[in-house]
Amino acid sequence: MRRKIKIALCLLLMTMFACIEGNQPARAQVADNSQKVWHSDFKDASLVSIKDEKVKLSDYVGKSEYVLVDFWASWCGPCMREMPNVKAAYEKYKSRGLQVIGINLDKDQNAWKNAVGRLELKWPQLSDMNEQGSVVANLYAVKYIPYIVIFDKSGKMVAKNLHGEALAKKLEELMPAQK
């Protein structure tokens, strides 16, 4: 029990330090995947939708021009602060071929579903309800959330770990407005 409290305290202090530093938005640590290497190409995984349907990431990746995969959790303050940027991206770029997929890293299904309803998230939401043991989070070595990955239609990862203005700029570069 003491070890868990120490770990939680360390994570809290790390998050607070990141906020104070201002280099990047604070992010919540979900797993120590430091030994894993990011794949530059799409790797498939099976998950469950918020409607309790079994789905694969390949049901989405390759079907649209770009797929933005947003790793998040209802308990993650930085994720909640980033969500307006993801919503804005969805609204602006869905007609240009962007599909947004939420990969939730909660353990509690009710917390996940309540957050989706409260935030009015309109894009597909997937999870394996396994937080640190999440298949997809481990597959893509997600260490902190929020974490965003963008795949093109061929399954190539074209961007990762973008937030706020950097995310908006990358999406405009990938999907400029038609003139």
N, C-alpha and C. Protein backbone atom coordinates (compact mmCIF):
# COMPACT_ATOMS: atom_id res chain seq x y z
N MET A 1 0.82 -1.19 0.00
CA MET A 1 0.00 0.00 0.00
C MET A 1 0.87 1.25 0.00
N ARG A 2 1.91 1.25 0.82
CA ARG A 2 2.80 2.42 0.87
C ARG A 2 3.46 2.66 -0.49
N ARG A 3 3.84 1.58 -1.16
CA ARG A 3 4.49 1.71 -2.47
C ARG A 3 3.54 2.37 -3.47
N LYS A 4 2.27 1.96 -3.45
CA LYS A 4 1.29 2.55 -4.36
C LYS A 4 1.11 4.04 -4.07
N ILE A 5 1.10 4.40 -2.81
CA ILE A 5 0.96 5.81 -2.44
C ILE A 5 2.18 6.59 -2.91
N LYS A 6 3.37 6.03 -2.74
CA LYS A 6 4.60 6.70 -3.19
C LYS A 6 4.57 6.88 -4.71
N ILE A 7 4.14 5.86 -5.43
CA ILE A 7 4.08 5.94 -6.89
C ILE A 7 3.09 7.01 -7.31
N ALA A 8 1.92 7.01 -6.67
CA ALA A 8 0.91 8.01 -7.00
C ALA A 8 1.42 9.42 -6.71
N LEU A 9 2.12 9.58 -5.61
CA LEU A 9 2.68 10.88 -5.25
C LEU A 9 3.73 11.32 -6.27
N CYS A 10 4.57 10.39 -6.70
CA CYS A 10 5.58 10.70 -7.71
C CYS A 10 4.93 11.14 -9.02
N LEU A 11 3.89 10.41 -9.45
CA LEU A 11 3.20 10.76 -10.68
C LEU A 11 2.56 12.14 -10.57
N LEU A 12 1.98 12.43 -9.42
CA LEU A 12 1.37 13.74 -9.21
C LEU A 12 2.43 14.84 -9.28
N LEU A 13 3.55 14.62 -8.63
CA LEU A 13 4.63 15.61 -8.65
C LEU A 13 5.19 15.79 -10.06
N MET A 14 5.35 14.70 -10.81
CA MET A 14 5.84 14.80 -12.18
C MET A 14 4.89 15.61 -13.03
N THR A 15 3.59 15.37 -12.88
CA THR A 15 2.59 16.11 -13.64
C THR A 15 2.63 17.59 -13.28
N MET A 16 2.72 17.87 -11.98
CA MET A 16 2.78 19.27 -11.53
C MET A 16 4.04 19.95 -12.06
N PHE A 17 5.17 19.25 -12.02
CA PHE A 17 6.43 19.81 -12.50
C PHE A 17 6.33 20.12 -13.99
N ALA A 18 5.71 19.23 -14.76
CA ALA A 18 5.55 19.46 -16.19
C ALA A 18 4.70 20.70 -16.44
N CYS A 19 3.68 20.91 -15.63
CA CYS A 19 2.83 22.11 -15.78
C CYS A 19 3.63 23.36 -15.47
N ILE A 20 4.44 23.32 -14.43
CA ILE A 20 5.23 24.48 -14.04
C ILE A 20 6.28 24.80 -15.09
N GLU A 21 6.92 23.78 -15.62
CA GLU A 21 7.95 23.98 -16.63
C GLU A 21 7.40 24.64 -17.88
N GLY A 22 6.18 24.26 -18.26
CA GLY A 22 5.54 24.88 -19.42
C GLY A 22 6.09 24.41 -20.76
N ASN A 23 7.02 23.46 -20.79
CA ASN A 23 7.57 22.98 -22.05
C ASN A 23 6.50 22.28 -22.87
N GLN A 24 5.72 21.45 -22.21
CA GLN A 24 4.68 20.69 -22.86
C GLN A 24 3.48 20.67 -21.92
N PRO A 25 2.32 20.37 -22.47
CA PRO A 25 1.19 20.22 -21.56
C PRO A 25 1.46 19.04 -20.63
N ALA A 26 0.98 19.15 -19.41
CA ALA A 26 1.15 18.05 -18.47
C ALA A 26 0.45 16.82 -19.02
N ARG A 27 1.02 15.67 -18.76
CA ARG A 27 0.42 14.44 -19.23
C ARG A 27 0.43 13.44 -18.09
N ALA A 28 -0.52 12.56 -18.08
CA ALA A 28 -0.61 11.55 -17.05
C ALA A 28 0.10 10.30 -17.52
N GLN A 29 0.91 9.71 -16.63
CA GLN A 29 1.62 8.50 -16.99
C GLN A 29 0.67 7.32 -16.85
N VAL A 30 0.67 6.45 -17.85
CA VAL A 30 -0.19 5.28 -17.81
C VAL A 30 0.60 3.99 -17.72
N ALA A 31 1.82 3.98 -18.18
CA ALA A 31 2.62 2.76 -18.14
C ALA A 31 4.06 3.09 -18.41
N ASP A 32 4.93 2.23 -17.96
CA ASP A 32 6.34 2.41 -18.28
C ASP A 32 6.65 1.51 -19.46
N ASN A 33 6.52 2.08 -20.64
CA ASN A 33 6.79 1.35 -21.87
C ASN A 33 8.11 1.80 -22.48
N SER A 34 9.03 2.21 -21.64
CA SER A 34 10.27 2.79 -22.14
C SER A 34 11.11 1.79 -22.94
N GLN A 35 10.89 0.52 -22.74
CA GLN A 35 11.64 -0.49 -23.49
C GLN A 35 11.00 -0.78 -24.85
N LYS A 36 9.80 -0.27 -25.07
CA LYS A 36 9.12 -0.52 -26.33
C LYS A 36 9.51 0.55 -27.34
N VAL A 37 9.42 0.20 -28.59
CA VAL A 37 9.77 1.13 -29.66
C VAL A 37 8.53 1.42 -30.47
N TRP A 38 8.34 2.68 -30.81
CA TRP A 38 7.20 3.06 -31.62
C TRP A 38 7.29 2.43 -32.99
N HIS A 39 6.18 1.88 -33.43
CA HIS A 39 6.09 1.37 -34.80
C HIS A 39 5.76 2.53 -35.71
N SER A 40 6.39 2.60 -36.86
CA SER A 40 6.09 3.68 -37.79
C SER A 40 4.92 3.32 -38.70
N ASP A 41 4.51 2.07 -38.67
CA ASP A 41 3.38 1.64 -39.47
C ASP A 41 2.29 1.11 -38.55
N PHE A 42 1.10 1.05 -39.10
CA PHE A 42 -0.08 0.60 -38.37
C PHE A 42 0.06 -0.85 -37.92
N LYS A 43 -0.31 -1.10 -36.70
CA LYS A 43 -0.41 -2.45 -36.14
C LYS A 43 -1.82 -2.61 -35.61
N ASP A 44 -2.49 -3.67 -36.00
CA ASP A 44 -3.89 -3.86 -35.65
C ASP A 44 -4.07 -4.41 -34.24
N ALA A 45 -5.24 -4.16 -33.67
CA ALA A 45 -5.59 -4.68 -32.36
C ALA A 45 -7.11 -4.73 -32.25
N SER A 46 -7.60 -5.66 -31.46
CA SER A 46 -9.03 -5.79 -31.22
C SER A 46 -9.38 -5.09 -29.91
N LEU A 47 -10.49 -4.38 -29.96
CA LEU A 47 -10.98 -3.66 -28.79
C LEU A 47 -12.50 -3.79 -28.74
N VAL A 48 -13.10 -3.12 -27.77
CA VAL A 48 -14.55 -3.10 -27.63
C VAL A 48 -15.01 -1.65 -27.75
N SER A 49 -16.09 -1.45 -28.51
CA SER A 49 -16.63 -0.10 -28.64
C SER A 49 -17.44 0.24 -27.40
N ILE A 50 -17.79 1.50 -27.28
CA ILE A 50 -18.59 1.94 -26.14
C ILE A 50 -19.97 1.28 -26.15
N LYS A 51 -20.37 0.74 -27.32
CA LYS A 51 -21.65 0.03 -27.45
C LYS A 51 -21.47 -1.47 -27.23
N ASP A 52 -20.31 -1.86 -26.67
CA ASP A 52 -19.97 -3.26 -26.37
C ASP A 52 -19.87 -4.15 -27.61
N GLU A 53 -19.46 -3.57 -28.74
CA GLU A 53 -19.25 -4.33 -29.96
C GLU A 53 -17.75 -4.56 -30.14
N LYS A 54 -17.38 -5.76 -30.56
CA LYS A 54 -15.97 -6.04 -30.83
C LYS A 54 -15.60 -5.39 -32.16
N VAL A 55 -14.50 -4.63 -32.13
CA VAL A 55 -14.02 -3.96 -33.34
C VAL A 55 -12.50 -4.05 -33.38
N LYS A 56 -11.98 -3.80 -34.56
CA LYS A 56 -10.53 -3.74 -34.74
C LYS A 56 -10.17 -2.34 -35.20
N LEU A 57 -8.96 -1.94 -34.92
CA LEU A 57 -8.51 -0.65 -35.42
C LEU A 57 -8.54 -0.63 -36.95
N SER A 58 -8.31 -1.79 -37.56
CA SER A 58 -8.33 -1.86 -39.03
C SER A 58 -9.73 -1.61 -39.60
N ASP A 59 -10.75 -1.62 -38.74
CA ASP A 59 -12.09 -1.24 -39.21
C ASP A 59 -12.12 0.25 -39.57
N TYR A 60 -11.12 1.01 -39.12
CA TYR A 60 -11.06 2.45 -39.35
C TYR A 60 -9.84 2.86 -40.17
N VAL A 61 -8.67 2.39 -39.76
CA VAL A 61 -7.44 2.79 -40.45
C VAL A 61 -7.45 2.20 -41.86
N GLY A 62 -7.23 3.05 -42.85
CA GLY A 62 -7.26 2.63 -44.24
C GLY A 62 -8.58 2.92 -44.92
N LYS A 63 -9.58 3.30 -44.15
CA LYS A 63 -10.90 3.59 -44.73
C LYS A 63 -11.07 5.09 -45.00
N SER A 64 -10.34 5.92 -44.28
CA SER A 64 -10.40 7.37 -44.44
C SER A 64 -9.03 7.86 -44.87
N GLU A 65 -8.96 9.11 -45.33
CA GLU A 65 -7.67 9.68 -45.72
C GLU A 65 -6.69 9.65 -44.55
N TYR A 66 -7.17 10.06 -43.38
CA TYR A 66 -6.34 10.07 -42.17
C TYR A 66 -7.18 9.62 -40.99
N VAL A 67 -6.52 8.93 -40.05
CA VAL A 67 -7.17 8.53 -38.81
C VAL A 67 -6.35 9.08 -37.65
N LEU A 68 -7.01 9.88 -36.82
CA LEU A 68 -6.40 10.42 -35.62
C LEU A 68 -6.82 9.53 -34.46
N VAL A 69 -5.86 8.91 -33.80
CA VAL A 69 -6.13 8.04 -32.66
C VAL A 69 -5.73 8.81 -31.40
N ASP A 70 -6.72 9.04 -30.54
CA ASP A 70 -6.52 9.82 -29.33
C ASP A 70 -6.58 8.89 -28.12
N PHE A 71 -5.44 8.69 -27.45
CA PHE A 71 -5.38 7.91 -26.22
C PHE A 71 -5.72 8.84 -25.06
N TRP A 72 -6.71 8.49 -24.26
CA TRP A 72 -7.17 9.36 -23.19
C TRP A 72 -7.82 8.54 -22.08
N ALA A 73 -8.13 9.21 -20.96
CA ALA A 73 -8.86 8.58 -19.86
C ALA A 73 -9.68 9.65 -19.14
N SER A 74 -10.77 9.23 -18.54
CA SER A 74 -11.66 10.18 -17.86
C SER A 74 -11.00 10.79 -16.62
N TRP A 75 -10.07 10.09 -16.01
CA TRP A 75 -9.40 10.56 -14.79
C TRP A 75 -8.22 11.48 -15.10
N CYS A 76 -7.90 11.68 -16.37
CA CYS A 76 -6.71 12.41 -16.78
C CYS A 76 -7.04 13.88 -17.04
N GLY A 77 -6.62 14.75 -16.13
CA GLY A 77 -6.84 16.18 -16.29
C GLY A 77 -6.28 16.74 -17.59
N PRO A 78 -5.03 16.42 -17.93
CA PRO A 78 -4.49 16.91 -19.20
C PRO A 78 -5.31 16.44 -20.41
N CYS A 79 -5.87 15.24 -20.34
CA CYS A 79 -6.71 14.75 -21.44
C CYS A 79 -7.96 15.60 -21.56
N MET A 80 -8.54 15.96 -20.43
CA MET A 80 -9.75 16.78 -20.45
C MET A 80 -9.44 18.17 -21.01
N ARG A 81 -8.25 18.69 -20.71
CA ARG A 81 -7.87 20.01 -21.25
C ARG A 81 -7.57 19.95 -22.74
N GLU A 82 -7.13 18.80 -23.24
CA GLU A 82 -6.82 18.64 -24.66
C GLU A 82 -8.07 18.33 -25.50
N MET A 83 -9.11 17.80 -24.86
CA MET A 83 -10.29 17.35 -25.60
C MET A 83 -10.92 18.44 -26.47
N PRO A 84 -10.99 19.71 -26.06
CA PRO A 84 -11.54 20.73 -26.97
C PRO A 84 -10.75 20.84 -28.28
N ASN A 85 -9.45 20.62 -28.25
CA ASN A 85 -8.65 20.64 -29.47
C ASN A 85 -8.99 19.47 -30.38
N VAL A 86 -9.21 18.30 -29.78
CA VAL A 86 -9.57 17.12 -30.57
C VAL A 86 -10.96 17.32 -31.17
N LYS A 87 -11.88 17.87 -30.37
CA LYS A 87 -13.23 18.13 -30.88
C LYS A 87 -13.20 19.13 -32.03
N ALA A 88 -12.39 20.17 -31.90
CA ALA A 88 -12.28 21.17 -32.97
C ALA A 88 -11.71 20.54 -34.24
N ALA A 89 -10.71 19.67 -34.08
CA ALA A 89 -10.11 18.98 -35.23
C ALA A 89 -11.15 18.10 -35.91
N TYR A 90 -11.92 17.38 -35.11
CA TYR A 90 -12.97 16.51 -35.65
C TYR A 90 -13.97 17.33 -36.47
N GLU A 91 -14.45 18.41 -35.89
CA GLU A 91 -15.46 19.24 -36.58
C GLU A 91 -14.90 19.86 -37.86
N LYS A 92 -13.68 20.33 -37.82
CA LYS A 92 -13.10 21.02 -38.96
C LYS A 92 -12.71 20.08 -40.10
N TYR A 93 -12.20 18.89 -39.75
CA TYR A 93 -11.59 18.03 -40.77
C TYR A 93 -12.37 16.77 -41.12
N LYS A 94 -13.47 16.49 -40.46
CA LYS A 94 -14.22 15.26 -40.78
C LYS A 94 -14.70 15.27 -42.22
N SER A 95 -15.08 16.43 -42.73
CA SER A 95 -15.54 16.50 -44.12
C SER A 95 -14.39 16.42 -45.13
N ARG A 96 -13.16 16.55 -44.64
CA ARG A 96 -11.98 16.47 -45.52
C ARG A 96 -11.33 15.08 -45.47
N GLY A 97 -11.94 14.16 -44.74
CA GLY A 97 -11.42 12.80 -44.73
C GLY A 97 -10.74 12.38 -43.44
N LEU A 98 -10.96 13.11 -42.34
CA LEU A 98 -10.37 12.73 -41.05
C LEU A 98 -11.35 11.89 -40.26
N GLN A 99 -10.89 10.75 -39.80
CA GLN A 99 -11.65 9.92 -38.87
C GLN A 99 -10.93 10.00 -37.52
N VAL A 100 -11.66 10.33 -36.48
CA VAL A 100 -11.09 10.36 -35.13
C VAL A 100 -11.56 9.11 -34.39
N ILE A 101 -10.64 8.49 -33.68
CA ILE A 101 -10.93 7.32 -32.85
C ILE A 101 -10.41 7.61 -31.45
N GLY A 102 -11.25 7.42 -30.45
CA GLY A 102 -10.80 7.55 -29.07
C GLY A 102 -10.43 6.19 -28.52
N ILE A 103 -9.25 6.08 -27.94
CA ILE A 103 -8.84 4.86 -27.24
C ILE A 103 -8.79 5.22 -25.76
N ASN A 104 -9.77 4.71 -25.03
CA ASN A 104 -9.88 5.06 -23.62
C ASN A 104 -9.09 4.10 -22.76
N LEU A 105 -8.40 4.65 -21.78
CA LEU A 105 -7.55 3.84 -20.90
C LEU A 105 -8.07 3.79 -19.47
N ASP A 106 -9.37 3.92 -19.31
CA ASP A 106 -9.99 3.76 -18.00
C ASP A 106 -10.08 2.28 -17.63
N LYS A 107 -10.21 2.01 -16.34
CA LYS A 107 -10.54 0.67 -15.86
C LYS A 107 -12.04 0.55 -15.65
N ASP A 108 -12.67 1.67 -15.33
CA ASP A 108 -14.08 1.72 -14.97
C ASP A 108 -14.93 2.09 -16.18
N GLN A 109 -15.73 1.14 -16.64
CA GLN A 109 -16.55 1.35 -17.82
C GLN A 109 -17.56 2.48 -17.62
N ASN A 110 -18.13 2.61 -16.42
CA ASN A 110 -19.09 3.69 -16.17
C ASN A 110 -18.43 5.06 -16.26
N ALA A 111 -17.21 5.19 -15.73
CA ALA A 111 -16.49 6.46 -15.81
C ALA A 111 -16.24 6.82 -17.27
N TRP A 112 -15.85 5.83 -18.07
CA TRP A 112 -15.61 6.03 -19.50
C TRP A 112 -16.89 6.50 -20.20
N LYS A 113 -17.97 5.77 -20.01
CA LYS A 113 -19.23 6.10 -20.68
C LYS A 113 -19.76 7.45 -20.23
N ASN A 114 -19.66 7.74 -18.95
CA ASN A 114 -20.12 9.03 -18.44
C ASN A 114 -19.31 10.17 -19.05
N ALA A 115 -17.99 9.99 -19.17
CA ALA A 115 -17.13 11.03 -19.74
C ALA A 115 -17.49 11.27 -21.21
N VAL A 116 -17.71 10.21 -21.96
CA VAL A 116 -18.07 10.35 -23.38
C VAL A 116 -19.38 11.14 -23.51
N GLY A 117 -20.36 10.82 -22.66
CA GLY A 117 -21.63 11.55 -22.70
C GLY A 117 -21.47 13.00 -22.27
N ARG A 118 -20.76 13.22 -21.18
CA ARG A 118 -20.55 14.57 -20.66
C ARG A 118 -19.80 15.46 -21.65
N LEU A 119 -18.80 14.87 -22.31
CA LEU A 119 -17.99 15.62 -23.28
C LEU A 119 -18.62 15.69 -24.67
N GLU A 120 -19.69 14.93 -24.86
CA GLU A 120 -20.40 14.87 -26.15
C GLU A 120 -19.46 14.50 -27.29
N LEU A 121 -18.74 13.40 -27.09
CA LEU A 121 -17.80 12.92 -28.11
C LEU A 121 -18.57 12.15 -29.17
N LYS A 122 -18.45 12.57 -30.41
CA LYS A 122 -19.25 12.02 -31.50
C LYS A 122 -18.53 10.96 -32.31
N TRP A 123 -17.25 10.78 -32.09
CA TRP A 123 -16.48 9.81 -32.87
C TRP A 123 -16.41 8.49 -32.11
N PRO A 124 -16.04 7.40 -32.81
CA PRO A 124 -15.97 6.09 -32.16
C PRO A 124 -15.04 6.08 -30.95
N GLN A 125 -15.51 5.42 -29.91
CA GLN A 125 -14.75 5.28 -28.68
C GLN A 125 -14.51 3.79 -28.43
N LEU A 126 -13.24 3.44 -28.24
CA LEU A 126 -12.86 2.04 -28.06
C LEU A 126 -12.05 1.89 -26.78
N SER A 127 -12.05 0.67 -26.23
CA SER A 127 -11.26 0.40 -25.03
C SER A 127 -11.13 -1.10 -24.86
N ASP A 128 -10.18 -1.48 -24.01
CA ASP A 128 -10.14 -2.87 -23.54
C ASP A 128 -10.26 -2.90 -22.02
N MET A 129 -10.57 -1.75 -21.43
CA MET A 129 -10.79 -1.59 -19.99
C MET A 129 -9.64 -2.18 -19.17
N ASN A 130 -8.43 -1.95 -19.67
CA ASN A 130 -7.27 -2.58 -19.04
C ASN A 130 -6.19 -1.57 -18.67
N GLU A 131 -6.49 -0.29 -18.72
CA GLU A 131 -5.60 0.80 -18.33
C GLU A 131 -4.14 0.51 -18.68
N GLN A 132 -3.30 0.20 -17.70
CA GLN A 132 -1.87 0.01 -17.96
C GLN A 132 -1.57 -1.21 -18.81
N GLY A 133 -2.46 -2.16 -18.83
CA GLY A 133 -2.25 -3.35 -19.64
C GLY A 133 -2.92 -3.27 -21.00
N SER A 134 -3.34 -2.08 -21.40
CA SER A 134 -4.03 -1.91 -22.67
C SER A 134 -3.19 -2.43 -23.83
N VAL A 135 -3.80 -3.29 -24.63
CA VAL A 135 -3.12 -3.88 -25.77
C VAL A 135 -2.60 -2.80 -26.72
N VAL A 136 -3.46 -1.86 -27.06
CA VAL A 136 -3.07 -0.84 -28.04
C VAL A 136 -2.04 0.12 -27.44
N ALA A 137 -2.24 0.52 -26.19
CA ALA A 137 -1.27 1.41 -25.54
C ALA A 137 0.10 0.75 -25.49
N ASN A 138 0.14 -0.53 -25.18
CA ASN A 138 1.42 -1.23 -25.15
C ASN A 138 1.99 -1.44 -26.55
N LEU A 139 1.13 -1.72 -27.50
CA LEU A 139 1.57 -1.92 -28.88
C LEU A 139 2.28 -0.68 -29.42
N TYR A 140 1.74 0.48 -29.09
CA TYR A 140 2.31 1.74 -29.57
C TYR A 140 3.14 2.46 -28.51
N ALA A 141 3.49 1.75 -27.45
CA ALA A 141 4.39 2.26 -26.40
C ALA A 141 3.92 3.59 -25.83
N VAL A 142 2.63 3.71 -25.60
CA VAL A 142 2.08 4.92 -25.01
C VAL A 142 2.48 4.96 -23.54
N LYS A 143 3.24 5.96 -23.19
CA LYS A 143 3.71 6.10 -21.82
C LYS A 143 2.93 7.16 -21.07
N TYR A 144 2.53 8.20 -21.77
CA TYR A 144 1.78 9.31 -21.18
C TYR A 144 0.54 9.59 -22.02
N ILE A 145 -0.49 10.09 -21.35
CA ILE A 145 -1.67 10.56 -22.06
C ILE A 145 -1.94 11.99 -21.64
N PRO A 146 -2.55 12.79 -22.48
CA PRO A 146 -3.08 12.42 -23.78
C PRO A 146 -1.95 12.15 -24.79
N TYR A 147 -2.24 11.26 -25.69
CA TYR A 147 -1.27 10.93 -26.74
C TYR A 147 -2.04 10.73 -28.04
N ILE A 148 -1.64 11.43 -29.06
CA ILE A 148 -2.33 11.38 -30.35
C ILE A 148 -1.40 10.83 -31.41
N VAL A 149 -1.95 9.94 -32.22
CA VAL A 149 -1.24 9.35 -33.35
C VAL A 149 -2.10 9.57 -34.58
N ILE A 150 -1.48 9.93 -35.70
CA ILE A 150 -2.22 10.10 -36.95
C ILE A 150 -1.64 9.12 -37.99
N PHE A 151 -2.54 8.33 -38.58
CA PHE A 151 -2.18 7.40 -39.64
C PHE A 151 -2.76 7.89 -40.96
N ASP A 152 -2.01 7.67 -42.06
CA ASP A 152 -2.58 7.97 -43.36
C ASP A 152 -3.34 6.75 -43.87
N LYS A 153 -3.90 6.84 -45.06
CA LYS A 153 -4.73 5.77 -45.61
C LYS A 153 -3.97 4.47 -45.81
N SER A 154 -2.65 4.57 -46.04
CA SER A 154 -1.85 3.36 -46.24
C SER A 154 -1.43 2.71 -44.92
N GLY A 155 -1.72 3.36 -43.79
CA GLY A 155 -1.35 2.81 -42.49
C GLY A 155 -0.03 3.35 -41.96
N LYS A 156 0.57 4.29 -42.68
CA LYS A 156 1.82 4.88 -42.21
C LYS A 156 1.52 5.92 -41.13
N MET A 157 2.28 5.87 -40.05
CA MET A 157 2.13 6.88 -39.01
C MET A 157 2.77 8.17 -39.51
N VAL A 158 1.98 9.23 -39.61
CA VAL A 158 2.48 10.49 -40.14
C VAL A 158 2.72 11.53 -39.06
N ALA A 159 2.20 11.29 -37.85
CA ALA A 159 2.42 12.22 -36.74
C ALA A 159 2.11 11.52 -35.42
N LYS A 160 2.75 11.99 -34.37
CA LYS A 160 2.45 11.47 -33.04
C LYS A 160 2.76 12.55 -32.01
N ASN A 161 2.07 12.42 -30.88
CA ASN A 161 2.29 13.29 -29.72
C ASN A 161 2.13 14.78 -30.03
N LEU A 162 1.12 15.11 -30.81
CA LEU A 162 0.83 16.52 -31.11
C LEU A 162 -0.34 16.98 -30.25
N HIS A 163 -0.27 18.23 -29.81
CA HIS A 163 -1.33 18.79 -28.98
C HIS A 163 -1.56 20.24 -29.39
N GLY A 164 -2.75 20.74 -29.10
CA GLY A 164 -3.04 22.16 -29.28
C GLY A 164 -2.73 22.68 -30.67
N GLU A 165 -1.97 23.76 -30.72
CA GLU A 165 -1.64 24.43 -31.98
C GLU A 165 -0.83 23.54 -32.91
N ALA A 166 0.06 22.73 -32.35
CA ALA A 166 0.87 21.82 -33.19
C ALA A 166 -0.03 20.81 -33.91
N LEU A 167 -1.06 20.33 -33.23
CA LEU A 167 -2.01 19.41 -33.86
C LEU A 167 -2.77 20.11 -34.98
N ALA A 168 -3.25 21.31 -34.69
CA ALA A 168 -4.00 22.07 -35.70
C ALA A 168 -3.14 22.34 -36.94
N LYS A 169 -1.88 22.71 -36.74
CA LYS A 169 -0.98 22.98 -37.87
C LYS A 169 -0.73 21.73 -38.69
N LYS A 170 -0.51 20.60 -38.03
CA LYS A 170 -0.25 19.36 -38.76
C LYS A 170 -1.46 18.94 -39.58
N LEU A 171 -2.65 19.05 -39.01
CA LEU A 171 -3.85 18.67 -39.75
C LEU A 171 -4.08 19.59 -40.95
N GLU A 172 -3.80 20.87 -40.78
CA GLU A 172 -3.95 21.81 -41.91
C GLU A 172 -2.94 21.48 -43.00
N GLU A 173 -1.74 21.07 -42.60
CA GLU A 173 -0.72 20.66 -43.57
C GLU A 173 -1.16 19.41 -44.33
N LEU A 174 -1.73 18.44 -43.61
CA LEU A 174 -2.16 17.19 -44.22
C LEU A 174 -3.43 17.34 -45.07
N MET A 175 -4.33 18.22 -44.62
CA MET A 175 -5.64 18.35 -45.26
C MET A 175 -5.99 19.82 -45.47
N PRO A 176 -5.26 20.49 -46.35
CA PRO A 176 -5.55 21.92 -46.55
C PRO A 176 -6.94 22.13 -47.13
N ALA A 177 -7.48 23.30 -46.87
CA ALA A 177 -8.80 23.65 -47.40
C ALA A 177 -8.72 23.71 -48.94
N GLN A 178 -9.78 23.26 -49.57
CA GLN A 178 -9.82 23.31 -51.04
C GLN A 178 -10.03 24.74 -51.48
N LYS A 179 -9.30 25.14 -52.53
CA LYS A 179 -9.40 26.52 -53.02
C LYS A 179 -10.30 26.58 -54.22
